[in-house]
PDB file of all heavy atoms in Angstrom:
ATOM      1  N   LYS A   1     108.104  97.345 123.022  1.00  0.00           N
ATOM      2  CA  LYS A   1     106.775  97.827 123.400  1.00  0.00           C
ATOM      3  C   LYS A   1     105.681  96.817 123.087  1.00  0.00           C
ATOM      4  O   LYS A   1     104.503  97.100 123.324  1.00  0.00           O
ATOM      5  CB  LYS A   1     106.476  99.145 122.683  1.00  0.00           C
ATOM      6  CG  LYS A   1     107.379 100.288 123.081  1.00  0.00           C
ATOM      7  CD  LYS A   1     106.981 101.574 122.372  1.00  0.00           C
ATOM      8  CE  LYS A   1     107.871 102.725 122.807  1.00  0.00           C
ATOM      9  NZ  LYS A   1     107.511 103.995 122.111  1.00  0.00           N
ATOM     10  N   ASN A   2     106.059  95.664 122.513  1.00  0.00           N
ATOM     11  CA  ASN A   2     105.065  94.657 122.118  1.00  0.00           C
ATOM     12  C   ASN A   2     104.029  95.237 121.160  1.00  0.00           C
ATOM     13  O   ASN A   2     102.822  95.010 121.316  1.00  0.00           O
ATOM     14  CB  ASN A   2     104.372  94.056 123.339  1.00  0.00           C
ATOM     15  CG  ASN A   2     105.261  93.097 124.111  1.00  0.00           C
ATOM     16  OD1 ASN A   2     106.045  92.355 123.510  1.00  0.00           O
ATOM     17  ND2 ASN A   2     105.162  93.114 125.418  1.00  0.00           N
ATOM     18  N   MET A   3     104.507  95.965 120.166  1.00  0.00           N
ATOM     19  CA  MET A   3     103.616  96.635 119.223  1.00  0.00           C
ATOM     20  C   MET A   3     103.985  96.301 117.782  1.00  0.00           C
ATOM     21  O   MET A   3     105.168  96.140 117.442  1.00  0.00           O
ATOM     22  CB  MET A   3     103.683  98.145 119.399  1.00  0.00           C
ATOM     23  CG  MET A   3     103.209  98.649 120.748  1.00  0.00           C
ATOM     24  SD  MET A   3     101.436  98.415 121.009  1.00  0.00           S
ATOM     25  CE  MET A   3     100.764  99.535 119.786  1.00  0.00           C
ATOM     26  N   VAL A   4     102.967  96.203 116.965  1.00  0.00           N
ATOM     27  CA  VAL A   4     103.134  96.069 115.520  1.00  0.00           C
ATOM     28  C   VAL A   4     102.322  97.194 114.878  1.00  0.00           C
ATOM     29  O   VAL A   4     101.213  97.493 115.324  1.00  0.00           O
ATOM     30  CB  VAL A   4     102.623  94.708 115.010  1.00  0.00           C
ATOM     31  CG1 VAL A   4     102.896  94.557 113.519  1.00  0.00           C
ATOM     32  CG2 VAL A   4     103.270  93.569 115.788  1.00  0.00           C
ATOM     33  N   TYR A   5     102.862  97.775 113.821  1.00  0.00           N
ATOM     34  CA  TYR A   5     102.230  98.918 113.178  1.00  0.00           C
ATOM     35  C   TYR A   5     102.032  98.660 111.688  1.00  0.00           C
ATOM     36  O   TYR A   5     102.764  97.874 111.080  1.00  0.00           O
ATOM     37  CB  TYR A   5     103.092 100.173 113.351  1.00  0.00           C
ATOM     38  CG  TYR A   5     103.421 100.490 114.781  1.00  0.00           C
ATOM     39  CD1 TYR A   5     104.665 100.145 115.317  1.00  0.00           C
ATOM     40  CD2 TYR A   5     102.501 101.137 115.612  1.00  0.00           C
ATOM     41  CE1 TYR A   5     104.984 100.429 116.637  1.00  0.00           C
ATOM     42  CE2 TYR A   5     102.808 101.423 116.932  1.00  0.00           C
ATOM     43  CZ  TYR A   5     104.054 101.068 117.429  1.00  0.00           C
ATOM     44  OH  TYR A   5     104.359 101.354 118.734  1.00  0.00           O
ATOM     45  N   LEU A   6     101.060  99.354 111.131  1.00  0.00           N
ATOM     46  CA  LEU A   6     100.872  99.352 109.683  1.00  0.00           C
ATOM     47  C   LEU A   6     100.610 100.782 109.243  1.00  0.00           C
ATOM     48  O   LEU A   6      99.547 101.333 109.521  1.00  0.00           O
ATOM     49  CB  LEU A   6      99.718  98.446 109.266  1.00  0.00           C
ATOM     50  CG  LEU A   6      99.557  98.250 107.755  1.00  0.00           C
ATOM     51  CD1 LEU A   6     100.732  97.454 107.189  1.00  0.00           C
ATOM     52  CD2 LEU A   6      98.238  97.556 107.422  1.00  0.00           C
ATOM     53  N   GLN A   7     101.593 101.373 108.608  1.00  0.00           N
ATOM     54  CA  GLN A   7     101.430 102.708 108.026  1.00  0.00           C
ATOM     55  C   GLN A   7     100.834 102.546 106.638  1.00  0.00           C
ATOM     56  O   GLN A   7     101.416 101.850 105.790  1.00  0.00           O
ATOM     57  CB  GLN A   7     102.785 103.423 107.957  1.00  0.00           C
ATOM     58  CG  GLN A   7     102.718 104.789 107.305  1.00  0.00           C
ATOM     59  CD  GLN A   7     101.933 105.798 108.115  1.00  0.00           C
ATOM     60  OE1 GLN A   7     102.071 105.866 109.337  1.00  0.00           O
ATOM     61  NE2 GLN A   7     101.092 106.578 107.448  1.00  0.00           N
ATOM     62  N   MET A   8      99.703 103.165 106.417  1.00  0.00           N
ATOM     63  CA  MET A   8      98.999 103.045 105.142  1.00  0.00           C
ATOM     64  C   MET A   8      98.910 104.408 104.489  1.00  0.00           C
ATOM     65  O   MET A   8      98.289 105.326 105.049  1.00  0.00           O
ATOM     66  CB  MET A   8      97.600 102.464 105.373  1.00  0.00           C
ATOM     67  CG  MET A   8      97.606 101.153 106.140  1.00  0.00           C
ATOM     68  SD  MET A   8      95.973 100.394 106.250  1.00  0.00           S
ATOM     69  CE  MET A   8      95.113 101.632 107.214  1.00  0.00           C
ATOM     70  N   ASN A   9      99.525 104.538 103.332  1.00  0.00           N
ATOM     71  CA  ASN A   9      99.518 105.797 102.576  1.00  0.00           C
ATOM     72  C   ASN A   9      98.803 105.607 101.250  1.00  0.00           C
ATOM     73  O   ASN A   9      98.628 104.475 100.772  1.00  0.00           O
ATOM     74  CB  ASN A   9     100.956 106.264 102.329  1.00  0.00           C
ATOM     75  CG  ASN A   9     101.707 106.556 103.605  1.00  0.00           C
ATOM     76  OD1 ASN A   9     101.127 106.997 104.605  1.00  0.00           O
ATOM     77  ND2 ASN A   9     103.004 106.320 103.581  1.00  0.00           N
ATOM     78  N   ASN A  10      98.411 106.712 100.663  1.00  0.00           N
ATOM     79  CA  ASN A  10      97.728 106.683  99.365  1.00  0.00           C
ATOM     80  C   ASN A  10      96.593 105.649  99.361  1.00  0.00           C
ATOM     81  O   ASN A  10      96.499 104.798  98.460  1.00  0.00           O
ATOM     82  CB  ASN A  10      98.727 106.371  98.246  1.00  0.00           C
ATOM     83  CG  ASN A  10      98.142 106.581  96.869  1.00  0.00           C
ATOM     84  OD1 ASN A  10      97.160 107.308  96.687  1.00  0.00           O
ATOM     85  ND2 ASN A  10      98.734 105.929  95.875  1.00  0.00           N
ATOM     86  N   LEU A  11      95.758 105.745 100.359  1.00  0.00           N
ATOM     87  CA  LEU A  11      94.682 104.769 100.507  1.00  0.00           C
ATOM     88  C   LEU A  11      93.687 104.860  99.358  1.00  0.00           C
ATOM     89  O   LEU A  11      93.418 105.949  98.823  1.00  0.00           O
ATOM     90  CB  LEU A  11      93.982 104.954 101.846  1.00  0.00           C
ATOM     91  CG  LEU A  11      94.764 104.393 103.037  1.00  0.00           C
ATOM     92  CD1 LEU A  11      94.312 105.026 104.339  1.00  0.00           C
ATOM     93  CD2 LEU A  11      94.610 102.877 103.087  1.00  0.00           C
ATOM     94  N   LYS A  12      93.156 103.704  99.003  1.00  0.00           N
ATOM     95  CA  LYS A  12      92.200 103.581  97.912  1.00  0.00           C
ATOM     96  C   LYS A  12      90.891 102.992  98.442  1.00  0.00           C
ATOM     97  O   LYS A  12      90.901 102.294  99.468  1.00  0.00           O
ATOM     98  CB  LYS A  12      92.769 102.660  96.836  1.00  0.00           C
ATOM     99  CG  LYS A  12      94.112 103.099  96.284  1.00  0.00           C
ATOM    100  CD  LYS A  12      94.641 102.086  95.277  1.00  0.00           C
ATOM    101  CE  LYS A  12      95.992 102.523  94.721  1.00  0.00           C
ATOM    102  NZ  LYS A  12      96.514 101.546  93.720  1.00  0.00           N
ATOM    103  N   PRO A  13      89.791 103.242  97.759  1.00  0.00           N
ATOM    104  CA  PRO A  13      88.516 102.666  98.211  1.00  0.00           C
ATOM    105  C   PRO A  13      88.579 101.158  98.381  1.00  0.00           C
ATOM    106  O   PRO A  13      87.928 100.606  99.281  1.00  0.00           O
ATOM    107  CB  PRO A  13      87.542 103.068  97.102  1.00  0.00           C
ATOM    108  CG  PRO A  13      88.108 104.354  96.576  1.00  0.00           C
ATOM    109  CD  PRO A  13      89.594 104.179  96.630  1.00  0.00           C
ATOM    110  N   GLU A  14      89.361 100.488  97.566  1.00  0.00           N
ATOM    111  CA  GLU A  14      89.463  99.027  97.677  1.00  0.00           C
ATOM    112  C   GLU A  14      90.237  98.569  98.903  1.00  0.00           C
ATOM    113  O   GLU A  14      90.306  97.375  99.187  1.00  0.00           O
ATOM    114  CB  GLU A  14      90.083  98.418  96.414  1.00  0.00           C
ATOM    115  CG  GLU A  14      91.375  99.061  95.974  1.00  0.00           C
ATOM    116  CD  GLU A  14      91.178 100.127  94.906  1.00  0.00           C
ATOM    117  OE1 GLU A  14      90.213 100.927  95.011  1.00  0.00           O
ATOM    118  OE2 GLU A  14      92.013 100.166  93.960  1.00  0.00           O
ATOM    119  N   ASP A  15      90.830  99.509  99.645  1.00  0.00           N
ATOM    120  CA  ASP A  15      91.479  99.166 100.913  1.00  0.00           C
ATOM    121  C   ASP A  15      90.469  99.097 102.062  1.00  0.00           C
ATOM    122  O   ASP A  15      90.832  98.712 103.176  1.00  0.00           O
ATOM    123  CB  ASP A  15      92.559 100.198 101.263  1.00  0.00           C
ATOM    124  CG  ASP A  15      93.704 100.205 100.276  1.00  0.00           C
ATOM    125  OD1 ASP A  15      94.146  99.116  99.864  1.00  0.00           O
ATOM    126  OD2 ASP A  15      94.160 101.316  99.910  1.00  0.00           O
ATOM    127  N   THR A  16      89.235  99.482 101.798  1.00  0.00           N
ATOM    128  CA  THR A  16      88.204  99.441 102.826  1.00  0.00           C
ATOM    129  C   THR A  16      88.011  98.013 103.324  1.00  0.00           C
ATOM    130  O   THR A  16      87.761  97.094 102.533  1.00  0.00           O
ATOM    131  CB  THR A  16      86.870  99.976 102.279  1.00  0.00           C
ATOM    132  OG1 THR A  16      87.031 101.367 101.980  1.00  0.00           O
ATOM    133  CG2 THR A  16      85.746  99.800 103.295  1.00  0.00           C
ATOM    134  N   ALA A  17      88.167  97.824 104.631  1.00  0.00           N
ATOM    135  CA  ALA A  17      88.080  96.486 105.227  1.00  0.00           C
ATOM    136  C   ALA A  17      88.262  96.602 106.729  1.00  0.00           C
ATOM    137  O   ALA A  17      88.667  97.651 107.238  1.00  0.00           O
ATOM    138  CB  ALA A  17      89.165  95.569 104.660  1.00  0.00           C
ATOM    139  N   ALA A  18      87.982  95.516 107.417  1.00  0.00           N
ATOM    140  CA  ALA A  18      88.389  95.385 108.808  1.00  0.00           C
ATOM    141  C   ALA A  18      89.807  94.828 108.815  1.00  0.00           C
ATOM    142  O   ALA A  18      90.094  93.855 108.111  1.00  0.00           O
ATOM    143  CB  ALA A  18      87.449  94.447 109.552  1.00  0.00           C
ATOM    144  N   TYR A  19      90.675  95.458 109.575  1.00  0.00           N
ATOM    145  CA  TYR A  19      92.086  95.071 109.613  1.00  0.00           C
ATOM    146  C   TYR A  19      92.394  94.399 110.947  1.00  0.00           C
ATOM    147  O   TYR A  19      91.968  94.866 112.010  1.00  0.00           O
ATOM    148  CB  TYR A  19      92.975  96.292 109.415  1.00  0.00           C
ATOM    149  CG  TYR A  19      93.041  96.742 107.989  1.00  0.00           C
ATOM    150  CD1 TYR A  19      91.954  97.368 107.385  1.00  0.00           C
ATOM    151  CD2 TYR A  19      94.190  96.537 107.212  1.00  0.00           C
ATOM    152  CE1 TYR A  19      91.995  97.763 106.052  1.00  0.00           C
ATOM    153  CE2 TYR A  19      94.243  96.941 105.887  1.00  0.00           C
ATOM    154  CZ  TYR A  19      93.150  97.550 105.319  1.00  0.00           C
ATOM    155  OH  TYR A  19      93.194  97.948 104.001  1.00  0.00           O
ATOM    156  N   TYR A  20      93.154  93.324 110.850  1.00  0.00           N
ATOM    157  CA  TYR A  20      93.513  92.517 112.026  1.00  0.00           C
ATOM    158  C   TYR A  20      95.011  92.246 112.041  1.00  0.00           C
ATOM    159  O   TYR A  20      95.621  92.075 110.980  1.00  0.00           O
ATOM    160  CB  TYR A  20      92.807  91.157 111.974  1.00  0.00           C
ATOM    161  CG  TYR A  20      91.314  91.215 111.879  1.00  0.00           C
ATOM    162  CD1 TYR A  20      90.678  91.358 110.648  1.00  0.00           C
ATOM    163  CD2 TYR A  20      90.522  91.108 113.025  1.00  0.00           C
ATOM    164  CE1 TYR A  20      89.299  91.403 110.546  1.00  0.00           C
ATOM    165  CE2 TYR A  20      89.139  91.152 112.933  1.00  0.00           C
ATOM    166  CZ  TYR A  20      88.541  91.298 111.698  1.00  0.00           C
ATOM    167  OH  TYR A  20      87.175  91.340 111.608  1.00  0.00           O
ATOM    168  N   CYS A  21      95.580  92.191 113.207  1.00  0.00           N
ATOM    169  CA  CYS A  21      96.948  91.701 113.312  1.00  0.00           C
ATOM    170  C   CYS A  21      96.897  90.291 113.901  1.00  0.00           C
ATOM    171  O   CYS A  21      95.951  89.922 114.603  1.00  0.00           O
ATOM    172  CB  CYS A  21      97.822  92.612 114.157  1.00  0.00           C
ATOM    173  SG  CYS A  21      97.460  92.610 115.909  1.00  0.00           S
ATOM    174  N   ASN A  22      97.893  89.511 113.578  1.00  0.00           N
ATOM    175  CA  ASN A  22      97.991  88.138 114.078  1.00  0.00           C
ATOM    176  C   ASN A  22      99.385  87.643 113.753  1.00  0.00           C
ATOM    177  O   ASN A  22     100.126  88.256 112.986  1.00  0.00           O
ATOM    178  CB  ASN A  22      96.942  87.248 113.411  1.00  0.00           C
ATOM    179  CG  ASN A  22      96.547  86.056 114.282  1.00  0.00           C
ATOM    180  OD1 ASN A  22      97.409  85.361 114.807  1.00  0.00           O
ATOM    181  ND2 ASN A  22      95.258  85.840 114.445  1.00  0.00           N
ATOM    182  N   ARG A  23      99.711  86.529 114.310  1.00  0.00           N
ATOM    183  CA  ARG A  23     100.946  85.883 113.919  1.00  0.00           C
ATOM    184  C   ARG A  23     100.814  85.466 112.459  1.00  0.00           C
ATOM    185  O   ARG A  23      99.732  85.370 111.899  1.00  0.00           O
ATOM    186  CB  ARG A  23     101.148  84.646 114.805  1.00  0.00           C
ATOM    187  CG  ARG A  23     102.473  83.956 114.678  1.00  0.00           C
ATOM    188  CD  ARG A  23     102.503  82.665 115.463  1.00  0.00           C
ATOM    189  NE  ARG A  23     101.560  81.690 114.945  1.00  0.00           N
ATOM    190  CZ  ARG A  23     101.470  80.443 115.370  1.00  0.00           C
ATOM    191  NH1 ARG A  23     102.249  80.024 116.366  1.00  0.00           N
ATOM    192  NH2 ARG A  23     100.596  79.619 114.848  1.00  0.00           N
ATOM    193  N   HIS A  24     101.995  85.244 111.805  1.00  0.00           N
ATOM    194  CA  HIS A  24     101.979  84.644 110.475  1.00  0.00           C
ATOM    195  C   HIS A  24     102.836  83.395 110.527  1.00  0.00           C
ATOM    196  O   HIS A  24     104.041  83.497 110.789  1.00  0.00           O
ATOM    197  CB  HIS A  24     102.507  85.597 109.410  1.00  0.00           C
ATOM    198  CG  HIS A  24     102.622  84.960 108.065  1.00  0.00           C
ATOM    199  ND1 HIS A  24     101.536  84.458 107.372  1.00  0.00           N
ATOM    200  CD2 HIS A  24     103.706  84.703 107.289  1.00  0.00           C
ATOM    201  CE1 HIS A  24     101.928  83.942 106.238  1.00  0.00           C
ATOM    202  NE2 HIS A  24     103.243  84.081 106.158  1.00  0.00           N
ATOM    203  N   PRO A  25     102.229  82.232 110.298  1.00  0.00           N
ATOM    204  CA  PRO A  25     100.811  81.982 110.053  1.00  0.00           C
ATOM    205  C   PRO A  25      99.960  82.250 111.290  1.00  0.00           C
ATOM    206  O   PRO A  25     100.462  82.212 112.412  1.00  0.00           O
ATOM    207  CB  PRO A  25     100.771  80.500 109.667  1.00  0.00           C
ATOM    208  CG  PRO A  25     101.978  79.912 110.284  1.00  0.00           C
ATOM    209  CD  PRO A  25     103.023  80.979 110.236  1.00  0.00           C
ATOM    210  N   ALA A  26      98.692  82.517 111.039  1.00  0.00           N
ATOM    211  CA  ALA A  26      97.820  83.025 112.096  1.00  0.00           C
ATOM    212  C   ALA A  26      97.470  81.969 113.137  1.00  0.00           C
ATOM    213  O   ALA A  26      97.335  80.781 112.843  1.00  0.00           O
ATOM    214  CB  ALA A  26      96.534  83.572 111.481  1.00  0.00           C
ATOM    215  N   TRP A  27      97.326  82.471 114.373  1.00  0.00           N
ATOM    216  CA  TRP A  27      96.708  81.654 115.400  1.00  0.00           C
ATOM    217  C   TRP A  27      95.236  81.422 115.024  1.00  0.00           C
ATOM    218  O   TRP A  27      94.721  82.040 114.092  1.00  0.00           O
ATOM    219  CB  TRP A  27      96.765  82.394 116.742  1.00  0.00           C
ATOM    220  CG  TRP A  27      98.115  82.438 117.365  1.00  0.00           C
ATOM    221  CD1 TRP A  27      98.893  81.377 117.761  1.00  0.00           C
ATOM    222  CD2 TRP A  27      98.853  83.621 117.713  1.00  0.00           C
ATOM    223  NE1 TRP A  27     100.071  81.827 118.305  1.00  0.00           N
ATOM    224  CE2 TRP A  27     100.079  83.196 118.306  1.00  0.00           C
ATOM    225  CE3 TRP A  27      98.608  84.984 117.594  1.00  0.00           C
ATOM    226  CZ2 TRP A  27     101.048  84.093 118.763  1.00  0.00           C
ATOM    227  CZ3 TRP A  27      99.572  85.876 118.044  1.00  0.00           C
ATOM    228  CH2 TRP A  27     100.770  85.429 118.619  1.00  0.00           C
ATOM    229  N   THR A  28      94.591  80.548 115.783  1.00  0.00           N
ATOM    230  CA  THR A  28      93.178  80.271 115.497  1.00  0.00           C
ATOM    231  C   THR A  28      92.256  81.342 116.083  1.00  0.00           C
ATOM    232  O   THR A  28      91.069  81.368 115.770  1.00  0.00           O
ATOM    233  CB  THR A  28      92.774  78.894 116.056  1.00  0.00           C
ATOM    234  OG1 THR A  28      93.061  78.868 117.460  1.00  0.00           O
ATOM    235  CG2 THR A  28      93.550  77.780 115.358  1.00  0.00           C
ATOM    236  N   PHE A  29      92.775  82.195 116.938  1.00  0.00           N
ATOM    237  CA  PHE A  29      91.964  83.254 117.539  1.00  0.00           C
ATOM    238  C   PHE A  29      92.364  84.589 116.939  1.00  0.00           C
ATOM    239  O   PHE A  29      93.473  84.760 116.424  1.00  0.00           O
ATOM    240  CB  PHE A  29      92.141  83.268 119.066  1.00  0.00           C
ATOM    241  CG  PHE A  29      93.565  83.375 119.515  1.00  0.00           C
ATOM    242  CD1 PHE A  29      94.168  84.613 119.701  1.00  0.00           C
ATOM    243  CD2 PHE A  29      94.321  82.230 119.743  1.00  0.00           C
ATOM    244  CE1 PHE A  29      95.493  84.706 120.111  1.00  0.00           C
ATOM    245  CE2 PHE A  29      95.645  82.309 120.149  1.00  0.00           C
ATOM    246  CZ  PHE A  29      96.233  83.562 120.331  1.00  0.00           C
ATOM    247  N   TRP A  30      91.426  85.543 117.011  1.00  0.00           N
ATOM    248  CA  TRP A  30      91.628  86.865 116.427  1.00  0.00           C
ATOM    249  C   TRP A  30      91.181  87.937 117.416  1.00  0.00           C
ATOM    250  O   TRP A  30      90.353  87.701 118.291  1.00  0.00           O
ATOM    251  CB  TRP A  30      90.811  87.005 115.139  1.00  0.00           C
ATOM    252  CG  TRP A  30      91.279  86.074 114.069  1.00  0.00           C
ATOM    253  CD1 TRP A  30      90.923  84.761 113.920  1.00  0.00           C
ATOM    254  CD2 TRP A  30      92.202  86.362 113.020  1.00  0.00           C
ATOM    255  NE1 TRP A  30      91.579  84.224 112.835  1.00  0.00           N
ATOM    256  CE2 TRP A  30      92.361  85.184 112.259  1.00  0.00           C
ATOM    257  CE3 TRP A  30      92.904  87.515 112.632  1.00  0.00           C
ATOM    258  CZ2 TRP A  30      93.200  85.121 111.148  1.00  0.00           C
ATOM    259  CZ3 TRP A  30      93.735  87.448 111.527  1.00  0.00           C
ATOM    260  CH2 TRP A  30      93.886  86.263 110.791  1.00  0.00           C
ATOM    261  N   GLY A  31      91.705  89.130 117.220  1.00  0.00           N
ATOM    262  CA  GLY A  31      91.235  90.274 117.974  1.00  0.00           C
ATOM    263  C   GLY A  31      89.961  90.832 117.367  1.00  0.00           C
ATOM    264  O   GLY A  31      89.380  90.238 116.458  1.00  0.00           O
ATOM    265  N   GLN A  32      89.558  91.986 117.864  1.00  0.00           N
ATOM    266  CA  GLN A  32      88.314  92.586 117.377  1.00  0.00           C
ATOM    267  C   GLN A  32      88.490  93.320 116.055  1.00  0.00           C
ATOM    268  O   GLN A  32      87.514  93.612 115.371  1.00  0.00           O
ATOM    269  CB  GLN A  32      87.747  93.564 118.425  1.00  0.00           C
ATOM    270  CG  GLN A  32      88.327  94.959 118.399  1.00  0.00           C
ATOM    271  CD  GLN A  32      89.745  95.050 118.935  1.00  0.00           C
ATOM    272  OE1 GLN A  32      90.262  94.096 119.522  1.00  0.00           O
ATOM    273  NE2 GLN A  32      90.371  96.205 118.767  1.00  0.00           N
ATOM    274  N   GLY A  33      89.726  93.589 115.693  1.00  0.00           N
ATOM    275  CA  GLY A  33      89.995  94.277 114.439  1.00  0.00           C
ATOM    276  C   GLY A  33      89.734  95.774 114.549  1.00  0.00           C
ATOM    277  O   GLY A  33      89.206  96.270 115.543  1.00  0.00           O
ATOM    278  N   THR A  34      90.119  96.495 113.510  1.00  0.00           N
ATOM    279  CA  THR A  34      89.856  97.928 113.431  1.00  0.00           C
ATOM    280  C   THR A  34      89.394  98.237 112.006  1.00  0.00           C
ATOM    281  O   THR A  34      89.999  97.778 111.037  1.00  0.00           O
ATOM    282  CB  THR A  34      91.088  98.747 113.836  1.00  0.00           C
ATOM    283  OG1 THR A  34      90.748 100.135 113.887  1.00  0.00           O
ATOM    284  CG2 THR A  34      92.268  98.541 112.905  1.00  0.00           C
ATOM    285  N   GLN A  35      88.322  98.996 111.892  1.00  0.00           N
ATOM    286  CA  GLN A  35      87.700  99.241 110.593  1.00  0.00           C
ATOM    287  C   GLN A  35      88.377 100.408 109.882  1.00  0.00           C
ATOM    288  O   GLN A  35      88.569 101.478 110.473  1.00  0.00           O
ATOM    289  CB  GLN A  35      86.213  99.534 110.758  1.00  0.00           C
ATOM    290  CG  GLN A  35      85.486  99.856 109.466  1.00  0.00           C
ATOM    291  CD  GLN A  35      85.405  98.665 108.521  1.00  0.00           C
ATOM    292  OE1 GLN A  35      85.267  97.520 108.954  1.00  0.00           O
ATOM    293  NE2 GLN A  35      85.495  98.924 107.217  1.00  0.00           N
ATOM    294  N   VAL A  36      88.718 100.191 108.635  1.00  0.00           N
ATOM    295  CA  VAL A  36      89.245 101.233 107.768  1.00  0.00           C
ATOM    296  C   VAL A  36      88.263 101.429 106.620  1.00  0.00           C
ATOM    297  O   VAL A  36      87.936 100.473 105.914  1.00  0.00           O
ATOM    298  CB  VAL A  36      90.634 100.851 107.223  1.00  0.00           C
ATOM    299  CG1 VAL A  36      91.092 101.857 106.174  1.00  0.00           C
ATOM    300  CG2 VAL A  36      91.648 100.772 108.352  1.00  0.00           C
ATOM    301  N   THR A  37      87.804 102.658 106.465  1.00  0.00           N
ATOM    302  CA  THR A  37      86.879 102.985 105.386  1.00  0.00           C
ATOM    303  C   THR A  37      87.478 104.114 104.566  1.00  0.00           C
ATOM    304  O   THR A  37      87.794 105.172 105.103  1.00  0.00           O
ATOM    305  CB  THR A  37      85.511 103.394 105.927  1.00  0.00           C
ATOM    306  OG1 THR A  37      84.981 102.332 106.728  1.00  0.00           O
ATOM    307  CG2 THR A  37      84.543 103.695 104.790  1.00  0.00           C
TER     308      THR A  37
END
């Protein structure tokens, strides 16, 4: 499906951030990200 997932449980305030997927190591370009608060 050309999909990567991140299941996040027991979230903490310090997990608040914009989250991005990319190759590892990362390409020089990035997507728009998704905000987790």
